[in-house]
N, C-alpha and C. Protein backbone atom coordinates (compact mmCIF):
# COMPACT_ATOMS: atom_id res chain seq x y z
N MET A 1 -8.33 -5.64 3.79
CA MET A 1 -8.85 -4.47 4.40
C MET A 1 -8.78 -4.64 5.91
N ARG A 2 -8.42 -3.56 6.60
CA ARG A 2 -8.40 -3.57 8.06
C ARG A 2 -9.78 -3.21 8.59
N VAL A 3 -10.28 -4.01 9.48
CA VAL A 3 -11.53 -3.73 10.18
C VAL A 3 -11.15 -3.47 11.63
N ILE A 4 -11.62 -2.34 12.16
CA ILE A 4 -11.24 -1.92 13.50
C ILE A 4 -12.47 -1.87 14.39
N TYR A 5 -12.36 -2.45 15.56
CA TYR A 5 -13.45 -2.48 16.53
C TYR A 5 -13.81 -1.06 16.96
N GLY A 6 -15.09 -0.72 16.89
CA GLY A 6 -15.58 0.58 17.34
C GLY A 6 -16.54 0.42 18.50
N THR A 7 -16.51 1.39 19.43
CA THR A 7 -17.36 1.34 20.61
C THR A 7 -17.81 2.75 20.99
N SER A 8 -18.94 2.85 21.65
CA SER A 8 -19.41 4.15 22.14
C SER A 8 -18.78 4.49 23.50
N LYS A 9 -18.05 3.55 24.08
CA LYS A 9 -17.34 3.81 25.35
C LYS A 9 -16.04 4.54 25.00
N LEU A 10 -16.04 5.85 25.15
CA LEU A 10 -14.95 6.67 24.62
C LEU A 10 -13.62 6.48 25.34
N LYS A 11 -13.58 6.52 26.66
CA LYS A 11 -12.34 6.31 27.43
C LYS A 11 -11.18 7.16 26.90
N SER A 12 -11.45 8.38 26.47
CA SER A 12 -10.44 9.23 25.84
C SER A 12 -9.21 9.45 26.71
N ASP A 13 -9.40 9.60 28.01
CA ASP A 13 -8.26 9.84 28.90
C ASP A 13 -7.37 8.61 29.04
N ASN A 14 -7.97 7.43 28.99
CA ASN A 14 -7.22 6.19 29.19
C ASN A 14 -6.65 5.62 27.89
N ARG A 15 -7.18 6.04 26.75
CA ARG A 15 -6.79 5.45 25.46
C ARG A 15 -6.40 6.54 24.46
N PRO A 16 -5.31 7.29 24.73
CA PRO A 16 -4.96 8.42 23.87
C PRO A 16 -4.52 8.02 22.46
N TYR A 17 -4.18 6.77 22.24
CA TYR A 17 -3.72 6.34 20.92
C TYR A 17 -4.80 5.63 20.12
N ASP A 18 -6.05 5.73 20.57
CA ASP A 18 -7.17 5.23 19.77
C ASP A 18 -7.72 6.39 18.95
N PHE A 19 -8.49 6.06 17.93
CA PHE A 19 -9.07 7.05 17.03
C PHE A 19 -10.54 7.24 17.38
N SER A 20 -10.95 8.49 17.56
CA SER A 20 -12.35 8.76 17.92
C SER A 20 -12.97 9.72 16.92
N ILE A 21 -14.24 9.52 16.67
CA ILE A 21 -15.04 10.47 15.89
C ILE A 21 -16.14 10.94 16.82
N GLU A 22 -16.03 12.20 17.25
CA GLU A 22 -16.98 12.75 18.20
C GLU A 22 -17.75 13.94 17.63
N ASN A 23 -17.18 14.63 16.65
CA ASN A 23 -17.82 15.81 16.06
C ASN A 23 -19.13 15.43 15.39
N TYR A 24 -20.19 16.17 15.71
CA TYR A 24 -21.52 15.84 15.20
C TYR A 24 -21.57 15.82 13.68
N GLY A 25 -21.00 16.83 13.03
CA GLY A 25 -21.02 16.88 11.57
C GLY A 25 -20.28 15.71 10.94
N THR A 26 -19.14 15.37 11.49
CA THR A 26 -18.37 14.23 10.98
C THR A 26 -19.13 12.93 11.21
N ARG A 27 -19.78 12.83 12.36
CA ARG A 27 -20.59 11.63 12.63
C ARG A 27 -21.70 11.49 11.61
N LEU A 28 -22.33 12.60 11.23
CA LEU A 28 -23.39 12.54 10.21
C LEU A 28 -22.83 12.04 8.88
N ILE A 29 -21.69 12.60 8.47
CA ILE A 29 -21.07 12.19 7.21
C ILE A 29 -20.72 10.70 7.25
N CYS A 30 -20.21 10.25 8.38
CA CYS A 30 -19.77 8.85 8.52
C CYS A 30 -20.91 7.91 8.91
N ARG A 31 -22.08 8.47 9.10
CA ARG A 31 -23.27 7.70 9.46
C ARG A 31 -23.10 6.95 10.78
N LEU A 32 -22.49 7.64 11.73
CA LEU A 32 -22.33 7.10 13.08
C LEU A 32 -23.39 7.73 13.98
N PRO A 33 -24.23 6.94 14.64
CA PRO A 33 -25.31 7.51 15.44
C PRO A 33 -24.83 8.17 16.73
N GLN A 34 -23.61 7.85 17.17
CA GLN A 34 -23.08 8.45 18.40
C GLN A 34 -21.57 8.52 18.30
N ALA A 35 -20.98 9.29 19.21
CA ALA A 35 -19.52 9.37 19.25
C ALA A 35 -18.96 7.96 19.36
N THR A 36 -17.89 7.71 18.61
CA THR A 36 -17.34 6.35 18.52
C THR A 36 -15.83 6.38 18.64
N ARG A 37 -15.31 5.48 19.48
CA ARG A 37 -13.86 5.27 19.60
C ARG A 37 -13.52 3.98 18.88
N PHE A 38 -12.47 4.04 18.06
CA PHE A 38 -12.00 2.86 17.35
C PHE A 38 -10.73 2.37 18.04
N ASP A 39 -10.79 1.16 18.55
CA ASP A 39 -9.69 0.57 19.31
C ASP A 39 -8.65 0.03 18.33
N LEU A 40 -7.60 0.80 18.12
CA LEU A 40 -6.60 0.44 17.12
C LEU A 40 -5.72 -0.73 17.54
N ASP A 41 -5.94 -1.24 18.74
CA ASP A 41 -5.26 -2.47 19.16
C ASP A 41 -6.06 -3.70 18.77
N GLN A 42 -7.30 -3.51 18.34
CA GLN A 42 -8.16 -4.63 17.93
C GLN A 42 -8.47 -4.49 16.43
N VAL A 43 -7.57 -5.03 15.63
CA VAL A 43 -7.68 -4.92 14.17
C VAL A 43 -7.78 -6.31 13.58
N LEU A 44 -8.67 -6.45 12.62
CA LEU A 44 -8.85 -7.72 11.93
C LEU A 44 -8.64 -7.48 10.44
N TRP A 45 -7.86 -8.33 9.80
CA TRP A 45 -7.65 -8.24 8.35
C TRP A 45 -8.68 -9.13 7.66
N LEU A 46 -9.44 -8.55 6.74
CA LEU A 46 -10.42 -9.31 5.95
C LEU A 46 -10.25 -8.99 4.48
N PRO A 47 -10.45 -9.96 3.60
CA PRO A 47 -10.38 -9.67 2.17
C PRO A 47 -11.59 -8.84 1.74
N TRP A 48 -11.38 -7.90 0.85
CA TRP A 48 -12.47 -7.07 0.32
C TRP A 48 -13.23 -7.92 -0.69
N ALA A 49 -14.06 -8.82 -0.16
CA ALA A 49 -14.77 -9.78 -1.00
C ALA A 49 -15.94 -10.36 -0.22
N LYS A 50 -16.85 -10.99 -0.94
CA LYS A 50 -17.92 -11.73 -0.28
C LYS A 50 -17.30 -12.92 0.41
N PRO A 51 -17.79 -13.38 1.48
CA PRO A 51 -19.01 -13.01 2.19
C PRO A 51 -18.80 -11.90 3.21
N TYR A 52 -17.57 -11.38 3.33
CA TYR A 52 -17.28 -10.39 4.37
C TYR A 52 -17.92 -9.04 4.09
N PHE A 53 -17.93 -8.64 2.82
CA PHE A 53 -18.46 -7.33 2.45
C PHE A 53 -19.43 -7.50 1.29
N VAL A 54 -20.67 -7.14 1.51
CA VAL A 54 -21.70 -7.21 0.46
C VAL A 54 -22.50 -5.92 0.48
N ALA A 55 -23.01 -5.56 -0.68
CA ALA A 55 -23.84 -4.36 -0.78
C ALA A 55 -25.14 -4.55 -0.02
N ARG A 56 -25.56 -3.51 0.65
CA ARG A 56 -26.84 -3.54 1.34
C ARG A 56 -27.96 -3.46 0.31
N ASP A 57 -29.17 -3.74 0.71
CA ASP A 57 -30.32 -3.66 -0.19
C ASP A 57 -30.37 -2.29 -0.87
N ASN A 58 -30.64 -2.29 -2.16
CA ASN A 58 -30.77 -1.07 -2.97
C ASN A 58 -29.49 -0.25 -3.07
N HIS A 59 -28.34 -0.87 -2.85
CA HIS A 59 -27.05 -0.19 -2.99
C HIS A 59 -26.14 -1.03 -3.88
N ASP A 60 -25.22 -0.36 -4.56
CA ASP A 60 -24.30 -1.05 -5.46
C ASP A 60 -23.00 -1.46 -4.79
N THR A 61 -22.75 -0.97 -3.60
CA THR A 61 -21.47 -1.17 -2.94
C THR A 61 -21.67 -1.40 -1.44
N PRO A 62 -20.76 -2.10 -0.80
CA PRO A 62 -20.85 -2.24 0.66
C PRO A 62 -20.37 -0.98 1.40
N VAL A 63 -19.79 -0.03 0.69
CA VAL A 63 -19.29 1.19 1.32
C VAL A 63 -20.47 2.01 1.85
N VAL A 64 -20.43 2.34 3.12
CA VAL A 64 -21.50 3.12 3.75
C VAL A 64 -21.15 4.60 3.73
N SER A 65 -19.87 4.92 3.96
CA SER A 65 -19.42 6.31 3.96
C SER A 65 -17.91 6.33 3.81
N VAL A 66 -17.37 7.53 3.60
CA VAL A 66 -15.93 7.72 3.47
C VAL A 66 -15.53 8.83 4.43
N LEU A 67 -14.43 8.63 5.14
CA LEU A 67 -13.95 9.68 6.05
C LEU A 67 -13.60 10.93 5.26
N PRO A 68 -14.03 12.10 5.72
CA PRO A 68 -13.61 13.34 5.08
C PRO A 68 -12.08 13.45 5.10
N MET A 69 -11.51 14.13 4.11
CA MET A 69 -10.05 14.22 3.98
C MET A 69 -9.40 14.76 5.26
N SER A 70 -10.00 15.75 5.89
CA SER A 70 -9.39 16.30 7.12
C SER A 70 -9.32 15.24 8.21
N VAL A 71 -10.31 14.37 8.29
CA VAL A 71 -10.31 13.30 9.29
C VAL A 71 -9.30 12.22 8.90
N GLN A 72 -9.15 11.96 7.60
CA GLN A 72 -8.12 11.02 7.14
C GLN A 72 -6.74 11.53 7.53
N GLN A 73 -6.53 12.85 7.44
CA GLN A 73 -5.25 13.43 7.83
C GLN A 73 -5.02 13.29 9.34
N ASP A 74 -6.06 13.52 10.12
CA ASP A 74 -5.95 13.32 11.58
C ASP A 74 -5.58 11.87 11.89
N PHE A 75 -6.22 10.94 11.18
CA PHE A 75 -5.93 9.52 11.38
C PHE A 75 -4.48 9.20 11.02
N ALA A 76 -4.00 9.78 9.92
CA ALA A 76 -2.61 9.56 9.50
C ALA A 76 -1.63 10.06 10.56
N TRP A 77 -1.90 11.24 11.13
CA TRP A 77 -1.04 11.76 12.20
C TRP A 77 -1.07 10.85 13.42
N LEU A 78 -2.23 10.36 13.77
CA LEU A 78 -2.35 9.45 14.91
C LEU A 78 -1.56 8.16 14.65
N MET A 79 -1.67 7.62 13.45
CA MET A 79 -0.94 6.40 13.12
C MET A 79 0.57 6.64 13.16
N HIS A 80 1.00 7.81 12.74
CA HIS A 80 2.43 8.16 12.81
C HIS A 80 2.88 8.20 14.28
N ALA A 81 2.07 8.82 15.14
CA ALA A 81 2.40 8.88 16.57
C ALA A 81 2.44 7.47 17.17
N ARG A 82 1.50 6.61 16.75
CA ARG A 82 1.50 5.23 17.23
C ARG A 82 2.76 4.50 16.76
N ASP A 83 3.17 4.74 15.52
CA ASP A 83 4.40 4.13 15.00
C ASP A 83 5.59 4.53 15.87
N LYS A 84 5.70 5.83 16.14
CA LYS A 84 6.83 6.32 16.94
C LYS A 84 6.81 5.73 18.35
N ALA A 85 5.63 5.43 18.86
CA ALA A 85 5.51 4.84 20.20
C ALA A 85 5.61 3.31 20.17
N GLY A 86 5.79 2.74 18.97
CA GLY A 86 5.91 1.28 18.84
C GLY A 86 4.61 0.53 19.04
N LEU A 87 3.49 1.18 18.74
CA LEU A 87 2.18 0.56 18.99
C LEU A 87 1.55 -0.09 17.77
N ASN A 88 2.23 -0.04 16.62
CA ASN A 88 1.62 -0.57 15.39
C ASN A 88 2.26 -1.86 14.90
N ASP A 89 3.08 -2.49 15.71
CA ASP A 89 3.75 -3.71 15.25
C ASP A 89 2.76 -4.79 14.83
N HIS A 90 1.61 -4.86 15.47
CA HIS A 90 0.61 -5.88 15.13
C HIS A 90 -0.03 -5.62 13.77
N LEU A 91 0.21 -4.46 13.17
CA LEU A 91 -0.38 -4.13 11.87
C LEU A 91 0.54 -4.47 10.71
N LYS A 92 1.78 -4.79 11.02
CA LYS A 92 2.75 -5.08 9.95
C LYS A 92 2.60 -6.51 9.48
N CYS A 93 2.64 -6.67 8.17
CA CYS A 93 2.51 -8.02 7.58
C CYS A 93 3.84 -8.72 7.54
């Protein structure tokens, strides 16, 4: 699983190829307390297993939320643009 560094420092003008969630409704769905930029240049690969991912108290899964389909589509378009710009080489195995 890819884990991507997220920050509240948006820097939207300086980092056009990063992924941001700023919409209040989407933030609620994703359980983000504030607008968040995900730095797609800082990606860590982790196995979907303990000790990296464990269910929180009173939950059956470590999954906290799932991106709405429309946001997944936005992310896919961004990743395609990054591919065309040659910015995803660090993601290839």
